């Protein structure tokens, strides 16, 4: 499900930027800035990169683990609400630094103007996703340095976002609850 959410964000962002500039190829790519062997992948050069930094359970969205569907008396797992954190980074050659900042500005503008992705804004929202709420996160210079150090790469002009409420719906029925019947009075027996 994370792949669908991140691909949706990347696709929408790419379309937004391509509507503003005349390019022959996609400019936004869902990719890590550093491969497992520590080098920057060539296909990620001169792109706006979107990549996952962390995943966390949204504990505020949960009141109980199970809920009862009244009509059928079924107990089903509550949907799983997640927060995930992503970077939007401009991975451009040094000679294109100004252009990198322009593309990053477009990305910030799009995500600011379109912070909610749901069925009203995207008719073909992937099944299992109810809503994504994209929110820019402040990171101080130390946090940013630590994050890029953990990623094993050089710093790129970037923005850190929290995406809230990916809802992964479970279709699993945990149990069936039989409704209680009213007692029948037995007078005079």
C-alpha atoms as a PDB file:
ATOM      1  CA  UNK A   1       0.000   0.000   0.000  1.00  0.00           C
ATOM      2  CA  UNK A   2       2.888   2.388   0.677  1.00  0.00           C
ATOM      3  CA  UNK A   3       4.033   1.955  -2.904  1.00  0.00           C
ATOM      4  CA  UNK A   4       0.588   2.989  -4.179  1.00  0.00           C
ATOM      5  CA  UNK A   5       0.510   6.058  -1.944  1.00  0.00           C
ATOM      6  CA  UNK A   6       4.017   7.192  -2.886  1.00  0.00           C
ATOM      7  CA  UNK A   7       3.455   6.502  -6.589  1.00  0.00           C
ATOM      8  CA  UNK A   8       0.232   8.512  -6.453  1.00  0.00           C
ATOM      9  CA  UNK A   9       2.016  11.477  -4.866  1.00  0.00           C
ATOM     10  CA  UNK A  10       4.888  11.241  -7.382  1.00  0.00           C
ATOM     11  CA  UNK A  11       2.564  10.941 -10.394  1.00  0.00           C
ATOM     12  CA  UNK A  12       0.436  13.914  -9.345  1.00  0.00           C
ATOM     13  CA  UNK A  13       3.517  16.018  -8.605  1.00  0.00           C
ATOM     14  CA  UNK A  14       5.099  15.091 -11.940  1.00  0.00           C
ATOM     15  CA  UNK A  15       1.913  16.081 -13.832  1.00  0.00           C
ATOM     16  CA  UNK A  16       1.803  19.394 -11.958  1.00  0.00           C
ATOM     17  CA  UNK A  17       5.393  20.281 -12.878  1.00  0.00           C
ATOM     18  CA  UNK A  18       5.046  19.122 -16.499  1.00  0.00           C
ATOM     19  CA  UNK A  19       2.039  21.463 -16.849  1.00  0.00           C
ATOM     20  CA  UNK A  20       4.335  24.371 -15.965  1.00  0.00           C
ATOM     21  CA  UNK A  21       7.472  23.580 -17.947  1.00  0.00           C
ATOM     22  CA  UNK A  22       8.151  22.113 -21.368  1.00  0.00           C
ATOM     23  CA  UNK A  23       9.948  18.813 -20.786  1.00  0.00           C
ATOM     24  CA  UNK A  24      10.152  15.634 -22.851  1.00  0.00           C
ATOM     25  CA  UNK A  25      10.555  13.281 -19.888  1.00  0.00           C
ATOM     26  CA  UNK A  26       9.290  12.834 -16.353  1.00  0.00           C
ATOM     27  CA  UNK A  27      11.002  15.037 -13.797  1.00  0.00           C
ATOM     28  CA  UNK A  28       9.694  13.389 -10.593  1.00  0.00           C
ATOM     29  CA  UNK A  29      10.903   9.941  -9.657  1.00  0.00           C
ATOM     30  CA  UNK A  30      10.141   7.664  -6.734  1.00  0.00           C
ATOM     31  CA  UNK A  31      13.709   6.619  -5.900  1.00  0.00           C
ATOM     32  CA  UNK A  32      16.346   6.691  -3.204  1.00  0.00           C
ATOM     33  CA  UNK A  33      19.162   9.199  -3.767  1.00  0.00           C
ATOM     34  CA  UNK A  34      21.698   6.529  -2.775  1.00  0.00           C
ATOM     35  CA  UNK A  35      21.780   2.866  -3.785  1.00  0.00           C
ATOM     36  CA  UNK A  36      22.633   0.165  -1.215  1.00  0.00           C
ATOM     37  CA  UNK A  37      26.265   0.204  -2.383  1.00  0.00           C
ATOM     38  CA  UNK A  38      26.507   3.923  -1.559  1.00  0.00           C
ATOM     39  CA  UNK A  39      26.480   5.474  -5.028  1.00  0.00           C
ATOM     40  CA  UNK A  40      23.908   7.747  -6.576  1.00  0.00           C
ATOM     41  CA  UNK A  41      21.895   5.902  -9.244  1.00  0.00           C
ATOM     42  CA  UNK A  42      22.354   7.458 -12.695  1.00  0.00           C
ATOM     43  CA  UNK A  43      18.618   7.285 -13.432  1.00  0.00           C
ATOM     44  CA  UNK A  44      18.027   9.553 -10.402  1.00  0.00           C
ATOM     45  CA  UNK A  45      20.213  12.370 -11.769  1.00  0.00           C
ATOM     46  CA  UNK A  46      18.548  15.660 -12.659  1.00  0.00           C
ATOM     47  CA  UNK A  47      15.268  14.619 -11.039  1.00  0.00           C
ATOM     48  CA  UNK A  48      13.027  15.578  -8.177  1.00  0.00           C
ATOM     49  CA  UNK A  49      13.211  12.507  -5.958  1.00  0.00           C
ATOM     50  CA  UNK A  50      10.540  11.292  -3.577  1.00  0.00           C
ATOM     51  CA  UNK A  51      11.667   8.713  -1.067  1.00  0.00           C
ATOM     52  CA  UNK A  52      10.493   7.241   2.205  1.00  0.00           C
ATOM     53  CA  UNK A  53      12.293   8.228   5.404  1.00  0.00           C
ATOM     54  CA  UNK A  54      10.159   6.606   8.134  1.00  0.00           C
ATOM     55  CA  UNK A  55       6.859   4.868   8.909  1.00  0.00           C
ATOM     56  CA  UNK A  56       4.919   5.162  12.179  1.00  0.00           C
ATOM     57  CA  UNK A  57       1.527   4.068  13.467  1.00  0.00           C
ATOM     58  CA  UNK A  58      -0.886   6.955  13.971  1.00  0.00           C
ATOM     59  CA  UNK A  59      -1.933   6.279  17.556  1.00  0.00           C
ATOM     60  CA  UNK A  60      -4.351   9.216  17.715  1.00  0.00           C
ATOM     61  CA  UNK A  61      -6.618   7.690  15.079  1.00  0.00           C
ATOM     62  CA  UNK A  62      -7.288   4.546  17.134  1.00  0.00           C
ATOM     63  CA  UNK A  63      -9.889   4.359  19.837  1.00  0.00           C
ATOM     64  CA  UNK A  64     -10.163   0.589  19.850  1.00  0.00           C
ATOM     65  CA  UNK A  65      -8.605  -2.263  17.928  1.00  0.00           C
ATOM     66  CA  UNK A  66     -11.882  -3.815  16.799  1.00  0.00           C
ATOM     67  CA  UNK A  67     -15.173  -2.338  15.755  1.00  0.00           C
ATOM     68  CA  UNK A  68     -18.552  -3.938  15.388  1.00  0.00           C
ATOM     69  CA  UNK A  69     -20.509  -3.543  12.190  1.00  0.00           C
ATOM     70  CA  UNK A  70     -24.057  -3.262  13.513  1.00  0.00           C
ATOM     71  CA  UNK A  71     -25.993  -4.604  10.541  1.00  0.00           C
ATOM     72  CA  UNK A  72     -24.313  -7.963  10.380  1.00  0.00           C
ATOM     73  CA  UNK A  73     -23.071  -8.253  13.938  1.00  0.00           C
ATOM     74  CA  UNK A  74     -19.499  -8.747  12.703  1.00  0.00           C
ATOM     75  CA  UNK A  75     -16.354  -7.699  14.499  1.00  0.00           C
ATOM     76  CA  UNK A  76     -13.665  -6.595  12.091  1.00  0.00           C
ATOM     77  CA  UNK A  77     -10.186  -5.178  12.527  1.00  0.00           C
ATOM     78  CA  UNK A  78     -10.098  -1.402  12.653  1.00  0.00           C
ATOM     79  CA  UNK A  79      -8.373   0.167   9.644  1.00  0.00           C
ATOM     80  CA  UNK A  80      -4.649   0.738  10.171  1.00  0.00           C
ATOM     81  CA  UNK A  81      -3.794   4.425  10.185  1.00  0.00           C
ATOM     82  CA  UNK A  82      -0.160   5.202   9.423  1.00  0.00           C
ATOM     83  CA  UNK A  83       1.999   8.264   9.279  1.00  0.00           C
ATOM     84  CA  UNK A  84       4.890   8.108   6.914  1.00  0.00           C
ATOM     85  CA  UNK A  85       7.612  10.622   6.361  1.00  0.00           C
ATOM     86  CA  UNK A  86       9.089  11.399   3.011  1.00  0.00           C
ATOM     87  CA  UNK A  87      11.667  13.612   1.428  1.00  0.00           C
ATOM     88  CA  UNK A  88      11.132  15.589  -1.732  1.00  0.00           C
ATOM     89  CA  UNK A  89      14.663  16.349  -2.903  1.00  0.00           C
ATOM     90  CA  UNK A  90      16.216  18.051  -5.926  1.00  0.00           C
ATOM     91  CA  UNK A  91      18.987  15.756  -7.213  1.00  0.00           C
ATOM     92  CA  UNK A  92      20.552  17.897  -9.956  1.00  0.00           C
ATOM     93  CA  UNK A  93      24.079  18.476 -11.229  1.00  0.00           C
ATOM     94  CA  UNK A  94      25.768  21.502  -9.652  1.00  0.00           C
ATOM     95  CA  UNK A  95      25.573  23.415 -12.957  1.00  0.00           C
ATOM     96  CA  UNK A  96      21.758  23.145 -12.778  1.00  0.00           C
ATOM     97  CA  UNK A  97      21.400  24.277  -9.149  1.00  0.00           C
ATOM     98  CA  UNK A  98      19.096  27.197  -9.979  1.00  0.00           C
ATOM     99  CA  UNK A  99      16.875  24.919 -12.042  1.00  0.00           C
ATOM    100  CA  UNK A 100      16.827  22.414  -9.166  1.00  0.00           C
ATOM    101  CA  UNK A 101      15.507  25.094  -6.830  1.00  0.00           C
ATOM    102  CA  UNK A 102      12.829  26.041  -9.368  1.00  0.00           C
ATOM    103  CA  UNK A 103      11.596  22.446  -9.583  1.00  0.00           C
ATOM    104  CA  UNK A 104      11.713  22.078  -5.800  1.00  0.00           C
ATOM    105  CA  UNK A 105       9.664  25.281  -5.505  1.00  0.00           C
ATOM    106  CA  UNK A 106       7.045  23.798  -7.851  1.00  0.00           C
ATOM    107  CA  UNK A 107       6.924  20.694  -5.667  1.00  0.00           C
ATOM    108  CA  UNK A 108       6.429  22.746  -2.506  1.00  0.00           C
ATOM    109  CA  UNK A 109       3.742  24.822  -4.206  1.00  0.00           C
ATOM    110  CA  UNK A 110       1.831  21.762  -5.435  1.00  0.00           C
ATOM    111  CA  UNK A 111       1.914  19.960  -2.086  1.00  0.00           C
ATOM    112  CA  UNK A 112       0.881  23.155  -0.287  1.00  0.00           C
ATOM    113  CA  UNK A 113      -2.029  23.785  -2.670  1.00  0.00           C
ATOM    114  CA  UNK A 114      -3.134  20.122  -2.659  1.00  0.00           C
ATOM    115  CA  UNK A 115      -2.531  18.796   0.860  1.00  0.00           C
ATOM    116  CA  UNK A 116      -5.459  16.345   0.851  1.00  0.00           C
ATOM    117  CA  UNK A 117      -5.760  13.442  -1.556  1.00  0.00           C
ATOM    118  CA  UNK A 118      -9.041  11.538  -1.356  1.00  0.00           C
ATOM    119  CA  UNK A 119     -11.867  10.366  -3.630  1.00  0.00           C
ATOM    120  CA  UNK A 120     -13.049  13.953  -4.153  1.00  0.00           C
ATOM    121  CA  UNK A 121      -9.671  14.994  -5.560  1.00  0.00           C
ATOM    122  CA  UNK A 122      -8.642  11.710  -7.209  1.00  0.00           C
ATOM    123  CA  UNK A 123     -11.469   9.686  -8.724  1.00  0.00           C
ATOM    124  CA  UNK A 124      -9.312   6.593  -9.247  1.00  0.00           C
ATOM    125  CA  UNK A 125      -7.736   6.511  -5.791  1.00  0.00           C
ATOM    126  CA  UNK A 126      -6.158   3.065  -5.323  1.00  0.00           C
ATOM    127  CA  UNK A 127      -8.313   0.593  -3.387  1.00  0.00           C
ATOM    128  CA  UNK A 128      -7.496   0.542   0.318  1.00  0.00           C
ATOM    129  CA  UNK A 129      -6.423   4.188   0.456  1.00  0.00           C
ATOM    130  CA  UNK A 130      -9.053   6.465   1.944  1.00  0.00           C
ATOM    131  CA  UNK A 131      -7.188   9.710   2.370  1.00  0.00           C
ATOM    132  CA  UNK A 132      -3.669  11.122   2.380  1.00  0.00           C
ATOM    133  CA  UNK A 133      -2.923  14.374   4.154  1.00  0.00           C
ATOM    134  CA  UNK A 134       0.446  15.866   3.236  1.00  0.00           C
ATOM    135  CA  UNK A 135       1.973  18.272   5.741  1.00  0.00           C
ATOM    136  CA  UNK A 136       5.368  19.957   5.579  1.00  0.00           C
ATOM    137  CA  UNK A 137       7.556  19.303   8.634  1.00  0.00           C
ATOM    138  CA  UNK A 138      10.076  21.660  10.128  1.00  0.00           C
ATOM    139  CA  UNK A 139      13.511  20.170  10.650  1.00  0.00           C
ATOM    140  CA  UNK A 140      16.364  22.102  12.156  1.00  0.00           C
ATOM    141  CA  UNK A 141      19.853  21.899  10.683  1.00  0.00           C
ATOM    142  CA  UNK A 142      20.972  19.192  13.151  1.00  0.00           C
ATOM    143  CA  UNK A 143      17.974  16.956  12.398  1.00  0.00           C
ATOM    144  CA  UNK A 144      18.484  17.465   8.695  1.00  0.00           C
ATOM    145  CA  UNK A 145      22.193  16.634   8.949  1.00  0.00           C
ATOM    146  CA  UNK A 146      21.405  13.491  10.953  1.00  0.00           C
ATOM    147  CA  UNK A 147      18.720  12.366   8.498  1.00  0.00           C
ATOM    148  CA  UNK A 148      21.015  12.776   5.498  1.00  0.00           C
ATOM    149  CA  UNK A 149      23.831  11.049   7.392  1.00  0.00           C
ATOM    150  CA  UNK A 150      21.591   8.062   8.117  1.00  0.00           C
ATOM    151  CA  UNK A 151      20.629   7.946   4.449  1.00  0.00           C
ATOM    152  CA  UNK A 152      24.308   7.752   3.559  1.00  0.00           C
ATOM    153  CA  UNK A 153      24.202  10.524   1.031  1.00  0.00           C
ATOM    154  CA  UNK A 154      25.245  14.071   0.490  1.00  0.00           C
ATOM    155  CA  UNK A 155      22.750  16.773   1.344  1.00  0.00           C
ATOM    156  CA  UNK A 156      20.348  17.714  -1.431  1.00  0.00           C
ATOM    157  CA  UNK A 157      18.001  20.707  -1.389  1.00  0.00           C
ATOM    158  CA  UNK A 158      14.931  19.079   0.079  1.00  0.00           C
ATOM    159  CA  UNK A 159      11.717  19.347   2.027  1.00  0.00           C
ATOM    160  CA  UNK A 160      10.538  16.877   4.660  1.00  0.00           C
ATOM    161  CA  UNK A 161       6.852  15.900   4.719  1.00  0.00           C
ATOM    162  CA  UNK A 162       4.591  13.907   6.980  1.00  0.00           C
ATOM    163  CA  UNK A 163       1.809  12.055   5.185  1.00  0.00           C
ATOM    164  CA  UNK A 164      -1.039  11.166   7.520  1.00  0.00           C
ATOM    165  CA  UNK A 165      -3.826   8.646   7.514  1.00  0.00           C
ATOM    166  CA  UNK A 166      -3.047   6.062   4.973  1.00  0.00           C
ATOM    167  CA  UNK A 167      -5.885   3.708   5.756  1.00  0.00           C
ATOM    168  CA  UNK A 168      -5.200   0.065   5.133  1.00  0.00           C
ATOM    169  CA  UNK A 169      -8.558  -1.643   5.424  1.00  0.00           C
ATOM    170  CA  UNK A 170      -8.744  -5.184   6.632  1.00  0.00           C
ATOM    171  CA  UNK A 171     -11.433  -7.392   5.204  1.00  0.00           C
ATOM    172  CA  UNK A 172     -10.861  -9.992   7.908  1.00  0.00           C
ATOM    173  CA  UNK A 173     -13.825 -10.838  10.075  1.00  0.00           C
ATOM    174  CA  UNK A 174     -12.561 -11.480  13.590  1.00  0.00           C
ATOM    175  CA  UNK A 175     -15.806 -12.857  15.004  1.00  0.00           C
ATOM    176  CA  UNK A 176     -19.552 -12.848  14.569  1.00  0.00           C
ATOM    177  CA  UNK A 177     -21.549 -11.329  17.385  1.00  0.00           C
ATOM    178  CA  UNK A 178     -25.015 -12.816  17.780  1.00  0.00           C
ATOM    179  CA  UNK A 179     -27.506 -10.215  18.895  1.00  0.00           C
ATOM    180  CA  UNK A 180     -29.122 -10.849  22.250  1.00  0.00           C
ATOM    181  CA  UNK A 181     -32.810 -11.596  22.090  1.00  0.00           C
ATOM    182  CA  UNK A 182     -35.250 -10.034  24.464  1.00  0.00           C
ATOM    183  CA  UNK A 183     -36.400 -12.312  27.278  1.00  0.00           C
ATOM    184  CA  UNK A 184     -39.912 -13.641  26.916  1.00  0.00           C
ATOM    185  CA  UNK A 185     -42.029 -13.246  30.031  1.00  0.00           C
ATOM    186  CA  UNK A 186     -43.505 -16.429  31.484  1.00  0.00           C
ATOM    187  CA  UNK A 187     -46.383 -15.355  33.712  1.00  0.00           C
ATOM    188  CA  UNK A 188     -48.474 -17.847  35.583  1.00  0.00           C
ATOM    189  CA  UNK A 189     -46.710 -21.043  34.626  1.00  0.00           C
END
